[in-house]
Amino acid sequence: MTRPATRLYLITPPKIDLDSFAPLLDATLVAGDVASLQLRLKPASDDEIIVATQTLMPIAHAHDVAFILNDRADLAKQLDCDGVHLGQDDMDYGQARALLGDDKIIGITCHNSRHMAMLAGEAGADYVAFGAFYETQTKAAKTTAPANILTWWQEMMQPPCVAIGGITPKNAEPLIMAGADFIAASSGVWQHPGGPEAGVVTFNKLFASLFNRLEDTLPSEE
């Protein structure tokens, strides 16, 4: 099995109260494997983003979770975040890489565009994100992506791909089977009927189950 199991890419709610969210995040990250946490606050002032990062990044790091800042490569540099997630209207990848250096993570939103994804991958992006795959409660999706774009990416390129947009444990299976290296989730965790901790647990059980199924479909190596 050459493809690793899918992992969870957790995105913060669009609005948070730090006093209550910080302990909730800590409890949520204790519940199971989370690869990364993206701070996405829209709209928010620079000061709000800075305070949120200074509060939440140590919690993420305490659980070995990478802390990714949405949109703002300049603040990611200032605050020494683990990386930045850039939309098509944000800073150019080359500028962001020059600013952040080679050791930081830079992910690129590619919507449903194979062309955008190829450009990002060839430029050196650490991951590409496709979506939205489903209706999302956290932002107005500009595009709808088909699951087979994940399969195409797996066959064509090396950097991992992230599936994003309205994904919950109930609808994630086709995207995992199609080739998502990471499932980005926000409301699918924070608004899970059993609470965020249950959301993380449920996603991880799904990843493990489907990884075993994927292994069973591959021919054994001699």
Protein backbone atom coordinates (compact mmCIF):
# COMPACT_ATOMS: atom_id res chain seq x y z
CA MET A 1 0.00 0.00 0.00
CA THR A 2 1.78 3.12 -1.21
CA ARG A 3 -0.88 5.62 -0.22
CA PRO A 4 -1.03 6.51 3.49
CA ALA A 5 -4.31 6.65 5.33
CA THR A 6 -6.35 9.83 4.97
CA ARG A 7 -5.96 12.31 7.83
CA LEU A 8 -8.04 15.13 9.24
CA TYR A 9 -7.32 18.76 8.34
CA LEU A 10 -9.30 20.73 10.90
CA ILE A 11 -10.50 24.28 10.21
CA THR A 12 -11.64 26.63 12.94
CA PRO A 13 -15.18 28.03 12.94
CA PRO A 14 -15.39 31.40 11.15
CA LYS A 15 -16.06 33.17 14.45
CA ILE A 16 -14.74 32.10 17.83
CA ASP A 17 -14.73 33.27 21.42
CA LEU A 18 -11.21 32.51 22.56
CA ASP A 19 -12.10 32.07 26.24
CA SER A 20 -14.44 29.20 25.45
CA PHE A 21 -12.85 27.93 22.24
CA ALA A 22 -9.33 27.40 23.58
CA PRO A 23 -10.29 24.66 26.08
CA LEU A 24 -12.69 23.18 23.53
CA LEU A 25 -9.87 22.95 20.99
CA ASP A 26 -7.61 21.28 23.53
CA ALA A 27 -10.23 18.66 24.31
CA THR A 28 -10.95 18.15 20.63
CA LEU A 29 -7.31 17.55 19.72
CA VAL A 30 -6.96 15.06 22.55
CA ALA A 31 -9.74 12.96 21.03
CA GLY A 32 -7.80 11.63 18.05
CA ASP A 33 -5.38 12.21 15.21
CA VAL A 34 -5.50 15.65 13.59
CA ALA A 35 -2.82 16.52 11.04
CA SER A 36 -3.26 20.28 11.02
CA LEU A 37 -5.37 23.14 12.27
CA GLN A 38 -6.15 26.05 9.98
CA LEU A 39 -7.10 29.33 11.61
CA ARG A 40 -9.67 30.88 9.32
CA LEU A 41 -11.36 33.97 10.74
CA LYS A 42 -13.32 36.02 8.22
CA PRO A 43 -13.65 38.90 8.64
CA ALA A 44 -11.19 39.66 11.41
CA SER A 45 -8.69 42.41 12.16
CA ASP A 46 -4.97 41.78 12.24
CA ASP A 47 -5.03 42.16 16.02
CA GLU A 48 -7.77 39.53 16.33
CA ILE A 49 -5.81 37.12 14.15
CA ILE A 50 -2.62 37.75 16.11
CA VAL A 51 -4.27 37.17 19.50
CA ALA A 52 -6.05 34.05 18.22
CA THR A 53 -2.81 32.65 16.85
CA GLN A 54 -0.89 33.37 20.04
CA THR A 55 -3.62 31.60 22.02
CA LEU A 56 -4.35 28.62 19.78
CA MET A 57 -1.03 27.75 18.16
CA PRO A 58 0.55 26.54 21.44
CA ILE A 59 -2.46 24.26 21.96
CA ALA A 60 -2.05 22.81 18.47
CA HIS A 61 1.68 22.30 18.98
CA ALA A 62 1.10 20.58 22.32
CA HIS A 63 -0.73 17.90 20.35
CA ASP A 64 1.78 17.78 17.45
CA VAL A 65 -0.72 19.48 15.15
CA ALA A 66 0.60 21.85 12.48
CA PHE A 67 -0.82 25.37 12.71
CA ILE A 68 -1.77 26.87 9.33
CA LEU A 69 -2.91 30.46 8.90
CA ASN A 70 -5.47 31.19 6.22
CA ASP A 71 -4.69 33.80 3.54
CA ARG A 72 -2.12 35.87 5.41
CA ALA A 73 1.44 34.90 4.56
CA ASP A 74 2.68 38.14 6.13
CA LEU A 75 1.16 37.31 9.51
CA ALA A 76 2.23 33.67 9.20
CA LYS A 77 5.80 34.95 8.88
CA GLN A 78 5.43 37.43 11.74
CA LEU A 79 3.91 34.84 14.07
CA ASP A 80 6.11 31.92 12.97
CA CYS A 81 3.18 29.72 12.02
CA ASP A 82 3.87 26.33 10.50
CA GLY A 83 2.43 27.46 7.20
CA VAL A 84 -0.18 29.34 5.24
CA HIS A 85 -3.13 28.41 3.08
CA LEU A 86 -3.50 30.67 0.05
CA GLY A 87 -6.52 31.31 -2.11
CA GLN A 88 -6.24 32.24 -5.75
CA ASP A 89 -6.67 35.92 -4.86
CA ASP A 90 -4.05 35.93 -2.10
CA MET A 91 -0.29 36.39 -2.29
CA ASP A 92 1.42 34.65 -5.19
CA TYR A 93 3.00 31.30 -4.28
CA GLY A 94 6.49 32.46 -5.26
CA GLN A 95 6.24 35.55 -3.10
CA ALA A 96 4.92 33.51 -0.19
CA ARG A 97 7.73 30.98 -0.49
CA ALA A 98 10.34 33.73 -0.62
CA LEU A 99 8.80 35.29 2.47
CA LEU A 100 8.32 32.13 4.53
CA GLY A 101 11.30 30.06 3.45
CA ASP A 102 11.58 26.45 2.39
CA ASP A 103 10.63 24.87 5.72
CA LYS A 104 7.09 26.24 5.97
CA ILE A 105 3.95 24.63 4.57
CA ILE A 106 2.20 26.41 1.70
CA GLY A 107 -1.11 25.06 0.48
CA ILE A 108 -3.06 26.40 -2.47
CA THR A 109 -6.80 26.49 -3.13
CA CYS A 110 -7.41 25.17 -6.64
CA HIS A 111 -11.24 25.00 -6.62
CA ASN A 112 -12.23 22.50 -9.33
CA SER A 113 -9.42 23.45 -11.71
CA ARG A 114 -6.91 20.90 -12.91
CA HIS A 115 -4.95 23.71 -14.51
CA MET A 116 -4.64 25.66 -11.26
CA ALA A 117 -3.63 22.49 -9.45
CA MET A 118 -0.94 21.62 -11.99
CA LEU A 119 0.50 25.12 -11.77
CA ALA A 120 0.52 24.96 -7.97
CA GLY A 121 2.08 21.53 -7.89
CA GLU A 122 4.75 22.40 -10.43
CA ALA A 123 5.57 25.61 -8.54
CA GLY A 124 6.26 23.61 -5.39
CA ALA A 125 3.12 23.85 -3.26
CA ASP A 126 3.11 21.45 -0.34
CA TYR A 127 -0.52 20.55 -0.99
CA VAL A 128 -3.43 21.53 -3.21
CA ALA A 129 -7.03 21.84 -2.04
CA PHE A 130 -10.03 20.99 -4.21
CA GLY A 131 -13.66 21.88 -3.53
CA ALA A 132 -16.28 22.51 -2.63
CA PHE A 133 -17.57 18.96 -2.82
CA TYR A 134 -20.78 19.65 -0.89
CA GLU A 135 -22.73 22.64 0.30
CA THR A 136 -20.86 24.35 3.10
CA GLN A 137 -22.09 26.34 6.09
CA THR A 138 -18.84 28.22 6.70
CA LYS A 139 -18.35 30.10 3.42
CA ALA A 140 -19.96 30.66 0.04
CA ALA A 141 -18.32 28.17 -2.30
CA LYS A 142 -17.17 29.59 -5.64
CA THR A 143 -17.06 26.20 -7.35
CA THR A 144 -18.26 22.62 -7.08
CA ALA A 145 -15.67 19.90 -7.56
CA PRO A 146 -16.23 16.28 -8.68
CA ALA A 147 -14.73 13.46 -6.65
CA ASN A 148 -12.80 12.14 -9.64
CA ILE A 149 -10.52 15.19 -9.59
CA LEU A 150 -8.93 13.61 -6.52
CA THR A 151 -8.30 10.38 -8.40
CA TRP A 152 -6.83 12.31 -11.31
CA TRP A 153 -4.49 14.17 -8.96
CA GLN A 154 -3.29 10.98 -7.32
CA GLU A 155 -2.45 9.54 -10.73
CA MET A 156 -0.69 12.68 -11.96
CA MET A 157 1.15 14.43 -9.13
CA GLN A 158 3.09 13.78 -5.93
CA PRO A 159 1.99 16.54 -3.48
CA PRO A 160 -0.96 15.57 -1.29
CA CYS A 161 -4.47 16.79 -2.00
CA VAL A 162 -7.05 18.14 0.42
CA ALA A 163 -10.79 17.76 -0.09
CA ILE A 164 -12.76 20.68 1.31
CA GLY A 165 -16.32 21.94 1.45
CA GLY A 166 -19.24 20.68 3.52
CA ILE A 167 -17.59 17.37 4.43
CA THR A 168 -18.92 15.34 7.34
CA PRO A 169 -18.32 11.76 8.49
CA LYS A 170 -21.53 10.83 6.68
CA ASN A 171 -20.50 12.07 3.23
CA ALA A 172 -16.69 11.76 3.32
CA GLU A 173 -16.39 8.16 2.11
CA PRO A 174 -16.53 8.82 -1.67
CA LEU A 175 -13.83 11.46 -1.34
CA ILE A 176 -11.55 9.22 0.70
CA MET A 177 -11.98 6.36 -1.74
CA ALA A 178 -11.37 8.73 -4.66
CA GLY A 179 -8.00 9.77 -3.31
CA ALA A 180 -8.18 12.54 -0.70
CA ASP A 181 -5.01 12.56 1.37
CA PHE A 182 -6.64 14.95 3.82
CA ILE A 183 -10.26 15.72 4.61
CA ALA A 184 -10.77 19.36 5.59
CA ALA A 185 -13.60 19.72 8.06
CA SER A 186 -15.07 22.59 10.04
CA SER A 187 -18.78 22.23 10.82
CA GLY A 188 -18.38 18.46 10.34
CA VAL A 189 -16.42 18.49 13.60
CA TRP A 190 -17.53 21.58 15.51
CA GLN A 191 -21.23 20.94 14.86
CA HIS A 192 -21.10 17.15 15.13
CA PRO A 193 -24.20 15.88 16.97
CA GLY A 194 -22.04 14.24 19.62
CA GLY A 195 -19.75 17.24 20.01
CA PRO A 196 -16.37 18.07 18.45
CA GLU A 197 -14.53 15.29 20.25
CA ALA A 198 -16.95 12.76 18.82
CA GLY A 199 -16.49 14.35 15.42
CA VAL A 200 -12.74 13.72 15.50
CA VAL A 201 -13.23 10.17 16.76
CA THR A 202 -15.80 9.41 14.06
CA PHE A 203 -13.64 10.77 11.26
CA ASN A 204 -10.65 8.74 12.42
CA LYS A 205 -12.67 5.54 12.66
CA LEU A 206 -13.86 6.16 9.11
CA PHE A 207 -10.31 6.77 7.86
CA ALA A 208 -9.07 3.55 9.45
CA SER A 209 -11.95 1.49 8.11
CA LEU A 210 -11.60 2.75 4.56
CA PHE A 211 -7.81 2.44 4.62
CA ASN A 212 -8.21 -1.24 5.43
CA ARG A 213 -10.70 -1.58 2.59
CA LEU A 214 -8.33 0.13 0.17
CA GLU A 215 -5.53 -2.20 1.24
CA ASP A 216 -7.73 -5.22 0.56
CA THR A 217 -8.40 -4.10 -3.02
CA LEU A 218 -4.71 -3.94 -3.93
CA PRO A 219 -2.77 -6.94 -5.22
CA SER A 220 -0.34 -8.37 -2.68
CA GLU A 221 3.35 -7.69 -3.26
CA GLU A 222 5.54 -10.67 -4.01
